[in-house]
Amino acid sequence: MEEKKNPMQRIKLEKLCLNICTGKSDDTLNRAAKVLEQLTGQAPMFSKARITIRAFGIRRNEKIAANVVVRGEKALKVLQAGLRVKEFELPNTCFSETGTFGFGIQEHIDLGIKYDTSIGIFGMDFCIVLSKPGRRVGERKKRQQKVGKNQRVTKEEAMEWFVQNFDGQIVVKKQAAVEN
């Protein structure tokens, strides 16, 4: 007899965040936004610099990055394309203790978007947020409560979800020892 799994422990993809940081607010940022719009079909939003950094020529409140949040089936399709670029292999250092993981790609044309000379080539960051049912209890406005320990996604559960859903492989990387 097959053992039933608790439906409240099922992990799902909550959202996929895509980010392209150009470091400038000129035409390069608009071209990066076009890439995100081609990939997702959604209008991206722009992030502003928090502080002025003279060495990099960045002023406070200057737009320096374009990002978009994708949810649902579209998020799974875009994630599948991103993982195909990485050949479904991620190091264990990509996974955080809170159940999120992320990776980056160097060229957006690897995702299947045709190269356009007027746009150029951009790299981007993928950040994947996983959750279990009941997460909203900690985020809602009224009767907000703590999310229980069992309802939080752990690093091991996120790795297991990645391996099961995408037939992925996790490459074990040794972290450098920190010496005092």
C-alpha atoms as a PDB file:
ATOM      1  CA  MET A   1       0.000   0.000   0.000  1.00  0.00           C
ATOM      2  CA  GLU A   2       1.321   3.407  -0.978  1.00  0.00           C
ATOM      3  CA  GLU A   3       2.040   5.772   1.886  1.00  0.00           C
ATOM      4  CA  LYS A   4       0.156   9.081   1.637  1.00  0.00           C
ATOM      5  CA  LYS A   5       2.052  12.299   2.076  1.00  0.00           C
ATOM      6  CA  ASN A   6       0.679  15.132   4.181  1.00  0.00           C
ATOM      7  CA  PRO A   7      -0.733  17.744   1.739  1.00  0.00           C
ATOM      8  CA  MET A   8       0.403  20.537   4.073  1.00  0.00           C
ATOM      9  CA  GLN A   9       4.022  19.411   3.612  1.00  0.00           C
ATOM     10  CA  ARG A  10       3.998  19.632  -0.203  1.00  0.00           C
ATOM     11  CA  ILE A  11       6.561  22.114  -1.479  1.00  0.00           C
ATOM     12  CA  LYS A  12       5.642  24.397  -4.350  1.00  0.00           C
ATOM     13  CA  LEU A  13       7.340  27.106  -6.351  1.00  0.00           C
ATOM     14  CA  GLU A  14       6.095  30.370  -4.899  1.00  0.00           C
ATOM     15  CA  LYS A  15       7.907  32.748  -7.245  1.00  0.00           C
ATOM     16  CA  LEU A  16      10.854  33.199  -9.550  1.00  0.00           C
ATOM     17  CA  CYS A  17      12.705  36.514  -9.460  1.00  0.00           C
ATOM     18  CA  LEU A  18      14.810  37.532 -12.455  1.00  0.00           C
ATOM     19  CA  ASN A  19      17.304  40.363 -12.097  1.00  0.00           C
ATOM     20  CA  ILE A  20      19.614  42.162 -14.502  1.00  0.00           C
ATOM     21  CA  CYS A  21      21.829  44.789 -12.877  1.00  0.00           C
ATOM     22  CA  THR A  22      23.557  47.127 -15.310  1.00  0.00           C
ATOM     23  CA  GLY A  23      24.863  49.648 -12.793  1.00  0.00           C
ATOM     24  CA  LYS A  24      23.832  52.520 -15.072  1.00  0.00           C
ATOM     25  CA  SER A  25      20.578  54.316 -15.767  1.00  0.00           C
ATOM     26  CA  ASP A  26      21.212  54.932 -19.455  1.00  0.00           C
ATOM     27  CA  ASP A  27      20.019  53.063 -22.549  1.00  0.00           C
ATOM     28  CA  THR A  28      21.690  49.857 -21.305  1.00  0.00           C
ATOM     29  CA  LEU A  29      19.074  49.527 -18.575  1.00  0.00           C
ATOM     30  CA  ASN A  30      16.221  49.941 -21.069  1.00  0.00           C
ATOM     31  CA  ARG A  31      17.730  47.236 -23.274  1.00  0.00           C
ATOM     32  CA  ALA A  32      18.013  44.918 -20.246  1.00  0.00           C
ATOM     33  CA  ALA A  33      14.338  45.583 -19.503  1.00  0.00           C
ATOM     34  CA  LYS A  34      13.476  44.568 -23.080  1.00  0.00           C
ATOM     35  CA  VAL A  35      15.265  41.249 -22.556  1.00  0.00           C
ATOM     36  CA  LEU A  36      13.228  40.529 -19.419  1.00  0.00           C
ATOM     37  CA  GLU A  37      10.022  41.502 -21.200  1.00  0.00           C
ATOM     38  CA  GLN A  38      10.819  39.182 -24.126  1.00  0.00           C
ATOM     39  CA  LEU A  39      11.562  36.323 -21.747  1.00  0.00           C
ATOM     40  CA  THR A  40       8.555  36.637 -19.435  1.00  0.00           C
ATOM     41  CA  GLY A  41       5.961  38.728 -21.253  1.00  0.00           C
ATOM     42  CA  GLN A  42       5.716  41.002 -18.202  1.00  0.00           C
ATOM     43  CA  ALA A  43       6.803  44.600 -17.798  1.00  0.00           C
ATOM     44  CA  PRO A  44       9.858  44.741 -15.506  1.00  0.00           C
ATOM     45  CA  MET A  45      10.292  47.139 -12.622  1.00  0.00           C
ATOM     46  CA  PHE A  46      13.429  49.127 -11.913  1.00  0.00           C
ATOM     47  CA  SER A  47      15.531  49.103  -8.740  1.00  0.00           C
ATOM     48  CA  LYS A  48      17.242  52.223  -7.460  1.00  0.00           C
ATOM     49  CA  ALA A  49      20.645  52.640  -5.828  1.00  0.00           C
ATOM     50  CA  ARG A  50      20.399  53.080  -2.063  1.00  0.00           C
ATOM     51  CA  ILE A  51      23.627  55.022  -1.643  1.00  0.00           C
ATOM     52  CA  THR A  52      26.018  57.066  -3.769  1.00  0.00           C
ATOM     53  CA  ILE A  53      29.219  55.302  -4.818  1.00  0.00           C
ATOM     54  CA  ARG A  54      31.526  57.818  -6.494  1.00  0.00           C
ATOM     55  CA  ALA A  55      34.069  55.220  -7.617  1.00  0.00           C
ATOM     56  CA  PHE A  56      31.430  53.467  -9.741  1.00  0.00           C
ATOM     57  CA  GLY A  57      29.671  56.657 -10.829  1.00  0.00           C
ATOM     58  CA  ILE A  58      26.403  55.664  -9.125  1.00  0.00           C
ATOM     59  CA  ARG A  59      24.198  58.286  -7.483  1.00  0.00           C
ATOM     60  CA  ARG A  60      21.572  57.697  -4.808  1.00  0.00           C
ATOM     61  CA  ASN A  61      18.067  56.926  -6.190  1.00  0.00           C
ATOM     62  CA  GLU A  62      19.453  56.328  -9.686  1.00  0.00           C
ATOM     63  CA  LYS A  63      17.872  53.372 -11.502  1.00  0.00           C
ATOM     64  CA  ILE A  64      20.521  50.656 -11.825  1.00  0.00           C
ATOM     65  CA  ALA A  65      18.699  47.312 -12.269  1.00  0.00           C
ATOM     66  CA  ALA A  66      15.651  45.759 -13.918  1.00  0.00           C
ATOM     67  CA  ASN A  67      13.815  42.883 -12.290  1.00  0.00           C
ATOM     68  CA  VAL A  68      10.624  40.908 -12.705  1.00  0.00           C
ATOM     69  CA  VAL A  69       8.741  38.419 -10.504  1.00  0.00           C
ATOM     70  CA  VAL A  70       7.136  35.463 -12.273  1.00  0.00           C
ATOM     71  CA  ARG A  71       4.656  33.068 -10.670  1.00  0.00           C
ATOM     72  CA  GLY A  72       2.740  29.938 -11.653  1.00  0.00           C
ATOM     73  CA  GLU A  73       3.235  27.871 -14.806  1.00  0.00           C
ATOM     74  CA  LYS A  74       5.168  30.648 -16.532  1.00  0.00           C
ATOM     75  CA  ALA A  75       7.707  30.580 -13.692  1.00  0.00           C
ATOM     76  CA  LEU A  76       8.228  26.836 -14.142  1.00  0.00           C
ATOM     77  CA  LYS A  77       8.819  27.271 -17.893  1.00  0.00           C
ATOM     78  CA  VAL A  78      11.350  30.065 -17.423  1.00  0.00           C
ATOM     79  CA  LEU A  79      13.073  28.133 -14.623  1.00  0.00           C
ATOM     80  CA  GLN A  80      13.244  25.038 -16.834  1.00  0.00           C
ATOM     81  CA  ALA A  81      14.961  27.104 -19.555  1.00  0.00           C
ATOM     82  CA  GLY A  82      17.414  28.579 -17.046  1.00  0.00           C
ATOM     83  CA  LEU A  83      18.296  25.192 -15.601  1.00  0.00           C
ATOM     84  CA  ARG A  84      18.779  23.787 -19.107  1.00  0.00           C
ATOM     85  CA  VAL A  85      21.541  26.386 -19.577  1.00  0.00           C
ATOM     86  CA  LYS A  86      23.154  25.137 -16.351  1.00  0.00           C
ATOM     87  CA  GLU A  87      22.626  21.517 -17.539  1.00  0.00           C
ATOM     88  CA  PHE A  88      20.472  20.858 -14.453  1.00  0.00           C
ATOM     89  CA  GLU A  89      23.524  20.964 -12.181  1.00  0.00           C
ATOM     90  CA  LEU A  90      23.779  23.322  -9.229  1.00  0.00           C
ATOM     91  CA  PRO A  91      26.346  23.445  -6.425  1.00  0.00           C
ATOM     92  CA  ASN A  92      25.060  22.950  -2.893  1.00  0.00           C
ATOM     93  CA  THR A  93      26.231  26.481  -2.074  1.00  0.00           C
ATOM     94  CA  CYS A  94      23.399  27.862  -4.255  1.00  0.00           C
ATOM     95  CA  PHE A  95      20.837  26.721  -1.660  1.00  0.00           C
ATOM     96  CA  SER A  96      20.118  28.830   1.425  1.00  0.00           C
ATOM     97  CA  GLU A  97      18.993  27.658   4.852  1.00  0.00           C
ATOM     98  CA  THR A  98      15.539  29.183   4.296  1.00  0.00           C
ATOM     99  CA  GLY A  99      14.677  27.036   1.285  1.00  0.00           C
ATOM    100  CA  THR A 100      15.472  29.493  -1.478  1.00  0.00           C
ATOM    101  CA  PHE A 101      18.077  28.950  -4.139  1.00  0.00           C
ATOM    102  CA  GLY A 102      19.562  30.949  -6.933  1.00  0.00           C
ATOM    103  CA  PHE A 103      21.979  30.878  -9.816  1.00  0.00           C
ATOM    104  CA  GLY A 104      23.145  33.112 -12.621  1.00  0.00           C
ATOM    105  CA  ILE A 105      23.643  32.802 -16.343  1.00  0.00           C
ATOM    106  CA  GLN A 106      26.105  34.809 -18.412  1.00  0.00           C
ATOM    107  CA  GLU A 107      24.228  35.174 -21.712  1.00  0.00           C
ATOM    108  CA  HIS A 108      20.474  35.530 -22.146  1.00  0.00           C
ATOM    109  CA  ILE A 109      20.631  34.112 -25.677  1.00  0.00           C
ATOM    110  CA  ASP A 110      21.232  30.659 -24.133  1.00  0.00           C
ATOM    111  CA  LEU A 111      17.591  30.752 -22.962  1.00  0.00           C
ATOM    112  CA  GLY A 112      16.316  30.588 -26.537  1.00  0.00           C
ATOM    113  CA  ILE A 113      15.891  34.294 -27.210  1.00  0.00           C
ATOM    114  CA  LYS A 114      17.202  35.344 -30.622  1.00  0.00           C
ATOM    115  CA  TYR A 115      20.204  37.638 -30.647  1.00  0.00           C
ATOM    116  CA  ASP A 116      19.370  41.232 -31.523  1.00  0.00           C
ATOM    117  CA  THR A 117      22.254  43.587 -32.285  1.00  0.00           C
ATOM    118  CA  SER A 118      20.304  46.580 -30.990  1.00  0.00           C
ATOM    119  CA  ILE A 119      19.902  44.908 -27.570  1.00  0.00           C
ATOM    120  CA  GLY A 120      23.221  43.102 -27.056  1.00  0.00           C
ATOM    121  CA  ILE A 121      23.916  40.317 -24.566  1.00  0.00           C
ATOM    122  CA  PHE A 122      23.026  40.383 -20.868  1.00  0.00           C
ATOM    123  CA  GLY A 123      23.530  37.982 -18.000  1.00  0.00           C
ATOM    124  CA  MET A 124      20.914  37.572 -15.311  1.00  0.00           C
ATOM    125  CA  ASP A 125      20.276  36.191 -11.840  1.00  0.00           C
ATOM    126  CA  PHE A 126      17.572  33.653 -11.055  1.00  0.00           C
ATOM    127  CA  CYS A 127      16.236  33.531  -7.487  1.00  0.00           C
ATOM    128  CA  ILE A 128      13.727  30.792  -6.673  1.00  0.00           C
ATOM    129  CA  VAL A 129      11.497  30.951  -3.582  1.00  0.00           C
ATOM    130  CA  LEU A 130       9.861  27.724  -2.397  1.00  0.00           C
ATOM    131  CA  SER A 131       7.068  27.478   0.155  1.00  0.00           C
ATOM    132  CA  LYS A 132       4.640  25.132   1.843  1.00  0.00           C
ATOM    133  CA  PRO A 133       0.937  25.760   2.464  1.00  0.00           C
ATOM    134  CA  GLY A 134       0.389  27.926   5.535  1.00  0.00           C
ATOM    135  CA  ARG A 135       3.094  30.461   4.718  1.00  0.00           C
ATOM    136  CA  ARG A 136       0.508  33.234   4.434  1.00  0.00           C
ATOM    137  CA  VAL A 137      -0.161  33.044   8.186  1.00  0.00           C
ATOM    138  CA  GLY A 138       3.093  34.925   8.764  1.00  0.00           C
ATOM    139  CA  GLU A 139       2.470  37.518   6.050  1.00  0.00           C
ATOM    140  CA  ARG A 140      -1.198  38.460   6.353  1.00  0.00           C
ATOM    141  CA  LYS A 141      -2.323  41.732   7.901  1.00  0.00           C
ATOM    142  CA  LYS A 142      -4.897  40.488  10.431  1.00  0.00           C
ATOM    143  CA  ARG A 143      -4.252  37.727  12.965  1.00  0.00           C
ATOM    144  CA  GLN A 144      -0.635  37.417  11.910  1.00  0.00           C
ATOM    145  CA  GLN A 145       1.207  34.570  13.630  1.00  0.00           C
ATOM    146  CA  LYS A 146       4.541  32.827  13.450  1.00  0.00           C
ATOM    147  CA  VAL A 147       4.967  30.164  10.814  1.00  0.00           C
ATOM    148  CA  GLY A 148       5.691  26.856  12.510  1.00  0.00           C
ATOM    149  CA  LYS A 149       9.050  25.161  12.237  1.00  0.00           C
ATOM    150  CA  ASN A 150       7.584  22.269  10.236  1.00  0.00           C
ATOM    151  CA  GLN A 151       6.026  24.651   7.697  1.00  0.00           C
ATOM    152  CA  ARG A 152       9.322  26.290   6.767  1.00  0.00           C
ATOM    153  CA  VAL A 153      11.279  24.905   3.839  1.00  0.00           C
ATOM    154  CA  THR A 154      14.766  23.718   4.823  1.00  0.00           C
ATOM    155  CA  LYS A 155      17.892  23.542   2.687  1.00  0.00           C
ATOM    156  CA  GLU A 156      17.638  19.741   2.427  1.00  0.00           C
ATOM    157  CA  GLU A 157      13.980  19.899   1.362  1.00  0.00           C
ATOM    158  CA  ALA A 158      14.791  22.496  -1.305  1.00  0.00           C
ATOM    159  CA  MET A 159      17.585  20.306  -2.653  1.00  0.00           C
ATOM    160  CA  GLU A 160      15.276  17.283  -2.686  1.00  0.00           C
ATOM    161  CA  TRP A 161      12.563  19.285  -4.510  1.00  0.00           C
ATOM    162  CA  PHE A 162      15.091  20.382  -7.145  1.00  0.00           C
ATOM    163  CA  VAL A 163      16.318  16.812  -7.728  1.00  0.00           C
ATOM    164  CA  GLN A 164      12.796  15.332  -7.906  1.00  0.00           C
ATOM    165  CA  ASN A 165      11.128  17.966 -10.106  1.00  0.00           C
ATOM    166  CA  PHE A 166      13.940  18.664 -12.563  1.00  0.00           C
ATOM    167  CA  ASP A 167      16.036  15.469 -12.396  1.00  0.00           C
ATOM    168  CA  GLY A 168      18.818  17.787 -11.318  1.00  0.00           C
ATOM    169  CA  GLN A 169      22.170  17.008  -9.814  1.00  0.00           C
ATOM    170  CA  ILE A 170      23.704  18.734  -6.844  1.00  0.00           C
ATOM    171  CA  VAL A 171      27.453  19.195  -6.988  1.00  0.00           C
ATOM    172  CA  VAL A 172      29.028  19.233  -3.540  1.00  0.00           C
ATOM    173  CA  LYS A 173      31.427  22.137  -3.157  1.00  0.00           C
ATOM    174  CA  LYS A 174      33.620  22.483  -0.130  1.00  0.00           C
ATOM    175  CA  GLN A 175      33.396  25.909   1.434  1.00  0.00           C
ATOM    176  CA  ALA A 176      36.679  27.601   2.244  1.00  0.00           C
ATOM    177  CA  ALA A 177      37.572  27.473   5.911  1.00  0.00           C
ATOM    178  CA  VAL A 178      37.585  30.861   7.583  1.00  0.00           C
ATOM    179  CA  GLU A 179      40.694  31.452   9.659  1.00  0.00           C
ATOM    180  CA  ASN A 180      41.070  34.106  12.336  1.00  0.00           C
END
